[in-house]
Structure formats: structure tokens, C-alpha cells
Amino acid sequence: MFTGYVVVAALLVLGLSASAFLTFTRNPQVTASMTKVGVPDSWLPWLGTAKAAGALGLLAGLLVPPLGVAAAVGLMLYFVGAAVSHLRVKDYAVAPVVVLTLLSAAALVLRTAA
């Protein structure tokens, strides 16, 4: 199970790192998506920080399992909130959010079982 966690965590860390970077640098595609779902521009640094913290927590979870569990739970909540935000404004392009939610759930299950 630990190897599975490492693989899933690595995928999530790569995706979250890229997403955090794009959020911090206010990539036009990211800001357009955030604006579409009603996220104020002032929230972008906080959301980028949450993604970066989740990535760091997953990495820390390799050595300290409770941190990996906490990070996975936090990421699941983050991405469920993102999915709800998209669906609330009838934006049905939620496939990336669903994939990240499922990967976060997999990380949680695998880290708990390892």
C-alpha cells in the first residue's frame, strides 16, 4: 500500500505544484475560471497556498503518516468545494476537479492502509 501512496502522492504533488504556480502567477486561464465561478481575485493567494500546503503535506506524509492523512483530507475538501463552486454556476467542465478529488481520496485510503 505504501508504494501505491507514493505513486498517487507523486501525481498529486506534480499537479498541485503546477496548479499552485499558475494560481500564484495569475495565469489568465486560471483567473478566468476563478472569475467564472465567482472567486474574488483576493482569494487567489490563499487558494494557491492551500494547494502548495497540500502538496507539501502529501510529501511529509511519506515520513509522518498523520500529515499525509491530514493533507489528503484537506485536499478532498478543497476539491469537493471546487466542484460545488463550478456546478453552482452551471459550469459542467469539472472533469479535472473530479480526477483530483478521486486522487486525493485514493491518497487518503492508501496512506491510512499503509
Protein backbone atom coordinates (compact mmCIF):
# COMPACT_ATOMS: atom_id res chain seq x y z
CA MET A 1 0.00 0.00 0.00
CA PHE A 2 2.88 2.36 0.70
CA THR A 3 4.09 2.12 -2.89
CA GLY A 4 0.60 2.98 -4.09
CA TYR A 5 0.57 6.01 -1.82
CA VAL A 6 3.95 7.12 -3.17
CA VAL A 7 2.70 6.91 -6.76
CA VAL A 8 -0.60 8.68 -6.08
CA ALA A 9 1.08 11.30 -3.89
CA ALA A 10 3.69 11.96 -6.58
CA LEU A 11 0.99 12.51 -9.21
CA LEU A 12 -0.91 14.83 -6.91
CA VAL A 13 2.20 16.74 -5.88
CA LEU A 14 3.10 17.38 -9.52
CA GLY A 15 -0.41 18.52 -10.38
CA LEU A 16 -0.80 20.63 -7.25
CA SER A 17 2.59 22.26 -7.67
CA ALA A 18 1.77 23.27 -11.23
CA SER A 19 -1.68 24.49 -10.22
CA ALA A 20 -0.31 26.48 -7.28
CA PHE A 21 2.30 28.07 -9.53
CA LEU A 22 -0.33 29.03 -12.10
CA THR A 23 -2.55 30.42 -9.35
CA PHE A 24 0.26 32.46 -7.78
CA THR A 25 1.30 33.86 -11.17
CA ARG A 26 -2.33 34.64 -12.02
CA ASN A 27 -2.36 32.67 -15.23
CA PRO A 28 -5.13 34.11 -17.43
CA GLN A 29 -6.84 30.74 -17.84
CA VAL A 30 -6.87 30.17 -14.08
CA THR A 31 -8.11 33.67 -13.28
CA ALA A 32 -10.83 33.36 -15.94
CA SER A 33 -12.00 30.08 -14.43
CA MET A 34 -11.96 31.52 -10.91
CA THR A 35 -13.87 34.61 -12.04
CA LYS A 36 -16.41 32.40 -13.80
CA VAL A 37 -17.26 30.61 -10.55
CA GLY A 38 -17.30 33.82 -8.52
CA VAL A 39 -14.00 33.55 -6.67
CA PRO A 40 -12.71 37.02 -5.74
CA ASP A 41 -9.24 37.89 -7.01
CA SER A 42 -8.12 38.48 -3.44
CA TRP A 43 -8.61 34.76 -2.69
CA LEU A 44 -6.06 33.58 -5.27
CA PRO A 45 -3.02 33.75 -2.96
CA TRP A 46 -4.91 31.78 -0.30
CA LEU A 47 -6.05 29.14 -2.77
CA GLY A 48 -2.54 28.81 -4.19
CA THR A 49 -1.21 28.45 -0.66
CA ALA A 50 -3.76 25.73 0.10
CA LYS A 51 -2.64 23.78 -2.97
CA ALA A 52 1.04 24.19 -2.10
CA ALA A 53 0.38 23.18 1.51
CA GLY A 54 -1.49 20.11 0.31
CA ALA A 55 1.45 19.12 -1.88
CA LEU A 56 3.90 19.60 0.99
CA GLY A 57 1.62 17.68 3.34
CA LEU A 58 1.48 14.73 0.97
CA LEU A 59 5.27 14.72 0.77
CA ALA A 60 5.58 14.99 4.54
CA GLY A 61 3.15 12.09 4.76
CA LEU A 62 5.84 9.84 3.34
CA LEU A 63 7.66 10.14 6.67
CA VAL A 64 4.87 11.17 9.05
CA PRO A 65 1.68 9.29 8.11
CA PRO A 66 -0.76 11.55 10.01
CA LEU A 67 0.41 14.52 7.94
CA GLY A 68 -0.31 12.63 4.74
CA VAL A 69 -3.77 11.72 6.01
CA ALA A 70 -4.48 15.32 7.03
CA ALA A 71 -3.25 16.62 3.67
CA ALA A 72 -5.40 14.14 1.76
CA VAL A 73 -8.49 15.07 3.79
CA GLY A 74 -7.81 18.77 3.25
CA LEU A 75 -7.36 18.26 -0.47
CA MET A 76 -10.55 16.26 -0.74
CA LEU A 77 -12.46 19.07 0.98
CA TYR A 78 -10.77 21.67 -1.24
CA PHE A 79 -11.66 19.86 -4.45
CA VAL A 80 -15.21 18.99 -3.38
CA GLY A 81 -15.64 22.71 -2.70
CA ALA A 82 -14.23 23.48 -6.13
CA ALA A 83 -16.64 21.04 -7.78
CA VAL A 84 -19.59 22.53 -5.93
CA SER A 85 -18.48 26.03 -6.95
CA HIS A 86 -18.38 25.02 -10.61
CA LEU A 87 -21.70 23.20 -10.51
CA ARG A 88 -23.36 26.08 -8.66
CA VAL A 89 -22.83 28.34 -11.69
CA LYS A 90 -23.74 25.55 -14.12
CA ASP A 91 -20.14 25.10 -15.29
CA TYR A 92 -20.04 21.39 -16.04
CA ALA A 93 -16.36 21.23 -17.04
CA VAL A 94 -15.49 19.56 -13.75
CA ALA A 95 -13.54 16.53 -15.00
CA PRO A 96 -10.15 17.81 -13.74
CA VAL A 97 -11.63 18.60 -10.33
CA VAL A 98 -13.26 15.17 -10.13
CA VAL A 99 -9.98 13.46 -11.04
CA LEU A 100 -8.10 15.43 -8.38
CA THR A 101 -10.81 14.63 -5.81
CA LEU A 102 -10.54 10.92 -6.61
CA LEU A 103 -6.74 11.03 -6.45
CA SER A 104 -7.00 12.76 -3.06
CA ALA A 105 -9.40 10.05 -1.88
CA ALA A 106 -7.00 7.38 -3.13
CA ALA A 107 -4.13 9.03 -1.27
CA LEU A 108 -6.24 9.06 1.89
CA VAL A 109 -7.17 5.39 1.61
CA LEU A 110 -3.65 4.30 0.70
CA ARG A 111 -1.95 6.34 3.43
CA THR A 112 -4.44 5.10 6.02
CA ALA A 113 -3.93 1.49 4.94
CA ALA A 114 -0.14 1.66 4.74
